N, C-alpha and C. Protein backbone atom coordinates (compact mmCIF):
# COMPACT_ATOMS: atom_id res chain seq x y z
N MET A 1 0.83 -1.18 0.00
CA MET A 1 0.00 0.00 0.00
C MET A 1 0.88 1.24 0.00
N LYS A 2 0.50 2.24 -0.78
CA LYS A 2 1.26 3.46 -0.95
C LYS A 2 0.53 4.61 -0.27
N GLN A 3 1.30 5.39 0.54
CA GLN A 3 0.72 6.52 1.27
C GLN A 3 1.58 7.76 1.04
N THR A 4 0.92 8.88 0.75
CA THR A 4 1.62 10.15 0.61
C THR A 4 1.89 10.74 1.99
N ILE A 5 3.13 11.20 2.20
CA ILE A 5 3.51 11.86 3.45
C ILE A 5 3.68 13.34 3.16
N ASN A 6 3.06 14.17 3.98
CA ASN A 6 3.13 15.61 3.80
C ASN A 6 3.13 16.27 5.17
N THR A 7 4.00 17.25 5.36
CA THR A 7 4.04 18.00 6.60
C THR A 7 4.27 19.48 6.29
N SER A 8 3.66 20.33 7.08
CA SER A 8 3.88 21.77 6.93
C SER A 8 5.22 22.19 7.53
N LYS A 9 5.91 21.25 8.19
CA LYS A 9 7.22 21.55 8.80
C LYS A 9 8.37 21.39 7.81
N ALA A 10 8.02 21.08 6.56
CA ALA A 10 8.99 21.03 5.46
C ALA A 10 8.35 21.79 4.30
N PRO A 11 9.17 22.27 3.36
CA PRO A 11 8.60 23.05 2.27
C PRO A 11 7.65 22.23 1.40
N ALA A 12 6.62 22.90 0.92
CA ALA A 12 5.69 22.26 -0.01
C ALA A 12 6.43 21.96 -1.31
N PRO A 13 6.07 20.89 -1.98
CA PRO A 13 6.70 20.58 -3.28
C PRO A 13 6.57 21.75 -4.26
N ILE A 14 7.60 21.95 -5.06
CA ILE A 14 7.59 23.03 -6.06
C ILE A 14 7.34 22.46 -7.45
N GLY A 15 6.78 21.27 -7.50
CA GLY A 15 6.48 20.62 -8.78
C GLY A 15 5.55 19.45 -8.54
N PRO A 16 5.34 18.64 -9.56
CA PRO A 16 4.42 17.50 -9.46
C PRO A 16 5.07 16.29 -8.77
N TYR A 17 5.29 16.41 -7.47
CA TYR A 17 5.84 15.32 -6.68
C TYR A 17 5.37 15.47 -5.24
N SER A 18 5.59 14.45 -4.44
CA SER A 18 5.23 14.46 -3.01
C SER A 18 6.48 14.65 -2.18
N GLN A 19 6.31 15.17 -0.95
CA GLN A 19 7.45 15.26 -0.05
C GLN A 19 8.04 13.87 0.17
N ALA A 20 7.16 12.89 0.35
CA ALA A 20 7.62 11.51 0.53
C ALA A 20 6.47 10.56 0.22
N ILE A 21 6.85 9.33 -0.07
CA ILE A 21 5.89 8.25 -0.26
C ILE A 21 6.31 7.10 0.66
N LEU A 22 5.33 6.62 1.43
CA LEU A 22 5.54 5.44 2.28
C LEU A 22 4.92 4.26 1.55
N SER A 23 5.73 3.26 1.27
CA SER A 23 5.27 2.04 0.62
C SER A 23 5.68 0.87 1.48
N ASN A 24 4.67 0.21 2.06
CA ASN A 24 4.91 -0.85 3.04
C ASN A 24 5.72 -0.25 4.18
N ASP A 25 6.93 -0.72 4.43
CA ASP A 25 7.75 -0.20 5.53
C ASP A 25 8.91 0.66 5.03
N THR A 26 8.82 1.12 3.79
CA THR A 26 9.90 1.90 3.20
C THR A 26 9.41 3.31 2.87
N LEU A 27 10.19 4.31 3.28
CA LEU A 27 9.87 5.70 3.04
C LEU A 27 10.84 6.27 2.01
N TYR A 28 10.31 6.86 0.96
CA TYR A 28 11.09 7.49 -0.09
C TYR A 28 10.90 9.00 0.02
N VAL A 29 11.94 9.69 0.46
CA VAL A 29 11.86 11.14 0.66
C VAL A 29 12.44 11.84 -0.56
N SER A 30 11.64 12.72 -1.15
CA SER A 30 12.09 13.49 -2.31
C SER A 30 13.25 14.40 -1.92
N GLY A 31 14.03 14.78 -2.91
CA GLY A 31 15.14 15.68 -2.68
C GLY A 31 14.68 16.97 -2.03
N GLN A 32 15.37 17.35 -0.98
CA GLN A 32 15.05 18.56 -0.22
C GLN A 32 16.13 19.60 -0.44
N ILE A 33 15.67 20.84 -0.61
CA ILE A 33 16.58 21.97 -0.70
C ILE A 33 16.33 22.89 0.48
N ALA A 34 17.09 23.96 0.58
CA ALA A 34 17.09 24.81 1.78
C ALA A 34 16.01 25.88 1.74
N ILE A 35 14.77 25.46 1.63
CA ILE A 35 13.65 26.39 1.76
C ILE A 35 13.15 26.30 3.19
N ASN A 36 13.09 27.45 3.86
CA ASN A 36 12.54 27.50 5.21
C ASN A 36 11.02 27.40 5.08
N PRO A 37 10.39 26.36 5.65
CA PRO A 37 8.95 26.19 5.47
C PRO A 37 8.11 27.28 6.15
N ASP A 38 8.68 27.98 7.12
CA ASP A 38 7.94 29.05 7.80
C ASP A 38 7.85 30.32 6.97
N THR A 39 8.91 30.59 6.20
CA THR A 39 8.97 31.83 5.43
C THR A 39 8.87 31.60 3.92
N ASN A 40 9.06 30.36 3.50
CA ASN A 40 9.10 29.98 2.09
C ASN A 40 10.27 30.66 1.36
N GLU A 41 11.29 31.05 2.12
CA GLU A 41 12.48 31.68 1.58
C GLU A 41 13.66 30.71 1.59
N LEU A 42 14.56 30.86 0.62
CA LEU A 42 15.77 30.06 0.60
C LEU A 42 16.72 30.50 1.70
N VAL A 43 17.41 29.53 2.29
CA VAL A 43 18.45 29.80 3.29
C VAL A 43 19.77 29.48 2.60
N ILE A 44 20.38 30.50 2.02
CA ILE A 44 21.61 30.27 1.25
C ILE A 44 22.70 31.27 1.61
N ASP A 45 22.64 31.80 2.84
CA ASP A 45 23.65 32.77 3.27
C ASP A 45 25.00 32.13 3.53
N SER A 46 25.01 30.82 3.82
CA SER A 46 26.26 30.07 3.98
C SER A 46 25.98 28.61 3.69
N VAL A 47 27.01 27.88 3.32
CA VAL A 47 26.83 26.45 3.05
C VAL A 47 26.40 25.72 4.32
N GLN A 48 26.91 26.14 5.48
CA GLN A 48 26.53 25.52 6.74
C GLN A 48 25.03 25.70 7.00
N ASN A 49 24.54 26.92 6.87
CA ASN A 49 23.12 27.18 7.12
C ASN A 49 22.24 26.52 6.06
N GLU A 50 22.70 26.51 4.83
CA GLU A 50 21.94 25.87 3.76
C GLU A 50 21.81 24.36 4.03
N THR A 51 22.92 23.74 4.36
CA THR A 51 22.90 22.30 4.64
C THR A 51 22.06 21.98 5.86
N SER A 52 22.17 22.80 6.89
CA SER A 52 21.37 22.59 8.10
C SER A 52 19.88 22.66 7.79
N GLN A 53 19.47 23.62 6.95
CA GLN A 53 18.05 23.72 6.59
C GLN A 53 17.60 22.51 5.78
N VAL A 54 18.43 22.06 4.86
CA VAL A 54 18.11 20.87 4.08
C VAL A 54 17.89 19.68 5.01
N LEU A 55 18.80 19.49 5.95
CA LEU A 55 18.70 18.36 6.87
C LEU A 55 17.49 18.50 7.79
N GLU A 56 17.15 19.71 8.20
CA GLU A 56 15.95 19.92 9.01
C GLU A 56 14.69 19.57 8.21
N ASN A 57 14.69 19.90 6.94
CA ASN A 57 13.55 19.54 6.09
C ASN A 57 13.42 18.03 5.96
N VAL A 58 14.54 17.35 5.76
CA VAL A 58 14.52 15.89 5.70
C VAL A 58 14.03 15.32 7.03
N ARG A 59 14.56 15.84 8.14
CA ARG A 59 14.16 15.36 9.46
C ARG A 59 12.65 15.53 9.68
N ALA A 60 12.11 16.66 9.27
CA ALA A 60 10.67 16.92 9.47
C ALA A 60 9.82 15.90 8.73
N ILE A 61 10.23 15.55 7.53
CA ILE A 61 9.48 14.56 6.75
C ILE A 61 9.63 13.17 7.37
N LEU A 62 10.85 12.82 7.75
CA LEU A 62 11.05 11.53 8.43
C LEU A 62 10.18 11.44 9.67
N THR A 63 10.18 12.49 10.47
CA THR A 63 9.41 12.52 11.72
C THR A 63 7.92 12.37 11.45
N GLU A 64 7.42 13.08 10.46
CA GLU A 64 6.00 13.01 10.11
C GLU A 64 5.57 11.57 9.81
N ALA A 65 6.48 10.81 9.21
CA ALA A 65 6.19 9.43 8.84
C ALA A 65 6.55 8.43 9.94
N GLY A 66 7.08 8.91 11.08
CA GLY A 66 7.44 8.02 12.17
C GLY A 66 8.81 7.39 12.04
N PHE A 67 9.70 8.06 11.31
CA PHE A 67 11.06 7.57 11.10
C PHE A 67 12.05 8.55 11.71
N THR A 68 13.31 8.12 11.81
CA THR A 68 14.41 8.98 12.22
C THR A 68 15.55 8.81 11.22
N PHE A 69 16.58 9.62 11.38
CA PHE A 69 17.76 9.46 10.52
C PHE A 69 18.36 8.06 10.67
N ASN A 70 18.22 7.45 11.84
CA ASN A 70 18.79 6.11 12.02
C ASN A 70 18.04 5.04 11.26
N ASP A 71 16.89 5.37 10.68
CA ASP A 71 16.15 4.43 9.82
C ASP A 71 16.56 4.58 8.36
N VAL A 72 17.37 5.59 8.05
CA VAL A 72 17.79 5.83 6.67
C VAL A 72 18.77 4.75 6.23
N VAL A 73 18.47 4.14 5.07
CA VAL A 73 19.35 3.10 4.53
C VAL A 73 20.10 3.56 3.29
N LYS A 74 19.64 4.66 2.69
CA LYS A 74 20.26 5.15 1.46
C LYS A 74 20.07 6.66 1.37
N ALA A 75 21.10 7.36 1.02
CA ALA A 75 21.02 8.81 0.84
C ALA A 75 21.73 9.20 -0.46
N THR A 76 21.22 10.25 -1.06
CA THR A 76 21.87 10.83 -2.23
C THR A 76 22.06 12.32 -1.95
N ILE A 77 23.28 12.78 -2.11
CA ILE A 77 23.60 14.19 -1.91
C ILE A 77 24.05 14.76 -3.26
N PHE A 78 23.38 15.84 -3.65
CA PHE A 78 23.74 16.57 -4.87
C PHE A 78 24.36 17.89 -4.44
N LEU A 79 25.51 18.21 -5.01
CA LEU A 79 26.22 19.45 -4.69
C LEU A 79 26.46 20.25 -5.97
N SER A 80 26.46 21.55 -5.84
CA SER A 80 26.78 22.40 -6.98
C SER A 80 28.28 22.37 -7.28
N ASP A 81 29.07 22.00 -6.27
CA ASP A 81 30.53 21.97 -6.41
C ASP A 81 31.09 21.03 -5.35
N MET A 82 32.00 20.16 -5.74
CA MET A 82 32.56 19.19 -4.79
C MET A 82 33.40 19.86 -3.70
N SER A 83 33.79 21.11 -3.88
CA SER A 83 34.53 21.79 -2.83
C SER A 83 33.67 21.99 -1.58
N LEU A 84 32.36 21.84 -1.70
CA LEU A 84 31.44 21.97 -0.57
C LEU A 84 31.36 20.69 0.27
N PHE A 85 31.91 19.61 -0.26
CA PHE A 85 31.78 18.30 0.37
C PHE A 85 32.19 18.25 1.84
N PRO A 86 33.33 18.79 2.25
CA PRO A 86 33.73 18.66 3.66
C PRO A 86 32.70 19.24 4.64
N VAL A 87 32.17 20.40 4.34
CA VAL A 87 31.19 21.04 5.23
C VAL A 87 29.89 20.24 5.26
N VAL A 88 29.40 19.88 4.07
CA VAL A 88 28.14 19.13 3.98
C VAL A 88 28.30 17.77 4.65
N ASN A 89 29.41 17.10 4.41
CA ASN A 89 29.65 15.78 4.97
C ASN A 89 29.66 15.82 6.50
N GLU A 90 30.28 16.83 7.08
CA GLU A 90 30.34 16.94 8.54
C GLU A 90 28.94 17.11 9.14
N LEU A 91 28.15 18.00 8.58
CA LEU A 91 26.79 18.21 9.09
C LEU A 91 25.92 16.99 8.86
N TYR A 92 26.01 16.39 7.70
CA TYR A 92 25.27 15.17 7.37
C TYR A 92 25.60 14.08 8.39
N GLY A 93 26.89 13.86 8.63
CA GLY A 93 27.32 12.80 9.55
C GLY A 93 26.82 13.00 10.96
N SER A 94 26.61 14.24 11.37
CA SER A 94 26.14 14.51 12.74
C SER A 94 24.69 14.10 12.96
N CYS A 95 23.98 13.78 11.89
CA CYS A 95 22.56 13.38 12.01
C CYS A 95 22.39 11.93 12.43
N PHE A 96 23.45 11.15 12.37
CA PHE A 96 23.34 9.71 12.60
C PHE A 96 24.05 9.31 13.89
N THR A 97 23.42 8.40 14.64
CA THR A 97 24.03 7.89 15.87
C THR A 97 24.30 6.40 15.80
N SER A 98 23.90 5.78 14.71
CA SER A 98 24.19 4.36 14.54
C SER A 98 24.77 4.16 13.15
N THR A 99 24.66 2.99 12.61
CA THR A 99 25.25 2.66 11.33
C THR A 99 24.88 3.69 10.26
N PHE A 100 25.88 4.18 9.54
CA PHE A 100 25.64 5.12 8.47
C PHE A 100 24.97 4.42 7.29
N PRO A 101 24.10 5.13 6.57
CA PRO A 101 23.46 4.53 5.39
C PRO A 101 24.42 4.46 4.21
N ALA A 102 24.01 3.70 3.20
CA ALA A 102 24.71 3.76 1.92
C ALA A 102 24.48 5.15 1.35
N ARG A 103 25.42 5.61 0.54
CA ARG A 103 25.28 6.99 0.05
C ARG A 103 26.12 7.21 -1.20
N GLU A 104 25.65 8.14 -2.04
CA GLU A 104 26.51 8.69 -3.07
C GLU A 104 26.40 10.20 -2.99
N THR A 105 27.48 10.85 -3.37
CA THR A 105 27.52 12.31 -3.42
C THR A 105 28.05 12.68 -4.80
N VAL A 106 27.29 13.52 -5.49
CA VAL A 106 27.69 13.91 -6.83
C VAL A 106 27.59 15.42 -7.00
N ALA A 107 28.48 15.95 -7.82
CA ALA A 107 28.40 17.35 -8.22
C ALA A 107 27.60 17.40 -9.51
N VAL A 108 26.69 18.34 -9.60
CA VAL A 108 25.82 18.44 -10.78
C VAL A 108 25.92 19.85 -11.37
N ALA A 109 25.49 19.98 -12.61
CA ALA A 109 25.59 21.27 -13.30
C ALA A 109 24.62 22.30 -12.75
N GLY A 110 23.50 21.87 -12.21
CA GLY A 110 22.53 22.82 -11.69
C GLY A 110 21.51 22.14 -10.80
N LEU A 111 21.04 22.86 -9.80
CA LEU A 111 20.02 22.37 -8.87
C LEU A 111 18.85 23.34 -8.86
N PRO A 112 17.67 22.89 -8.40
CA PRO A 112 16.51 23.77 -8.38
C PRO A 112 16.79 25.08 -7.63
N LYS A 113 16.30 26.17 -8.17
CA LYS A 113 16.40 27.50 -7.58
C LYS A 113 17.84 27.96 -7.35
N GLY A 114 18.80 27.31 -8.03
CA GLY A 114 20.20 27.72 -7.93
C GLY A 114 20.86 27.41 -6.60
N VAL A 115 20.31 26.43 -5.85
CA VAL A 115 20.89 26.09 -4.55
C VAL A 115 22.19 25.31 -4.73
N ASN A 116 22.88 25.11 -3.61
CA ASN A 116 24.15 24.38 -3.62
C ASN A 116 24.02 22.94 -3.16
N VAL A 117 22.94 22.62 -2.41
CA VAL A 117 22.81 21.30 -1.78
C VAL A 117 21.38 20.80 -1.93
N GLU A 118 21.25 19.53 -2.32
CA GLU A 118 19.97 18.83 -2.32
C GLU A 118 20.22 17.43 -1.79
N ILE A 119 19.35 16.95 -0.90
CA ILE A 119 19.53 15.62 -0.31
C ILE A 119 18.20 14.88 -0.38
N SER A 120 18.26 13.62 -0.83
CA SER A 120 17.11 12.73 -0.77
C SER A 120 17.52 11.48 0.01
N VAL A 121 16.54 10.83 0.63
CA VAL A 121 16.85 9.63 1.42
C VAL A 121 15.77 8.56 1.22
N ILE A 122 16.17 7.34 1.53
CA ILE A 122 15.24 6.21 1.62
C ILE A 122 15.43 5.64 3.02
N ALA A 123 14.32 5.45 3.73
CA ALA A 123 14.37 4.91 5.09
C ALA A 123 13.46 3.68 5.16
N THR A 124 13.79 2.79 6.08
CA THR A 124 12.98 1.58 6.24
C THR A 124 12.90 1.19 7.71
N LYS A 125 11.82 0.56 8.07
CA LYS A 125 11.66 0.01 9.41
C LYS A 125 12.00 -1.47 9.35
N ASP A 126 12.90 -1.90 10.21
CA ASP A 126 13.27 -3.33 10.26
C ASP A 126 12.27 -4.13 11.04
């Protein structure tokens, strides 16, 4: 059974997609960028603040569905430039207290709204 997950604590989708889809015991979270859901404004004053907002958006969606970062089994990080990797990696790593998920990190030519960081995750309940 497929269920749409939506929370006002993360930004509304900016296209024809859902914040997340729960299918059986697996949650598929769409790529999140640094939009503050309270103001609908981008948080791009620094890579640290941008990454923190992205991770807060992911956390809000996970929480809405009854998951935590420790339920994440796969993550994808998109960066505008690989030089941002050390900062993003440090903040990303601080979200986990148990086994790290599988992950890939790639630099891409462009991201929505000209942001520097986008993160999507897949989480599952064992």
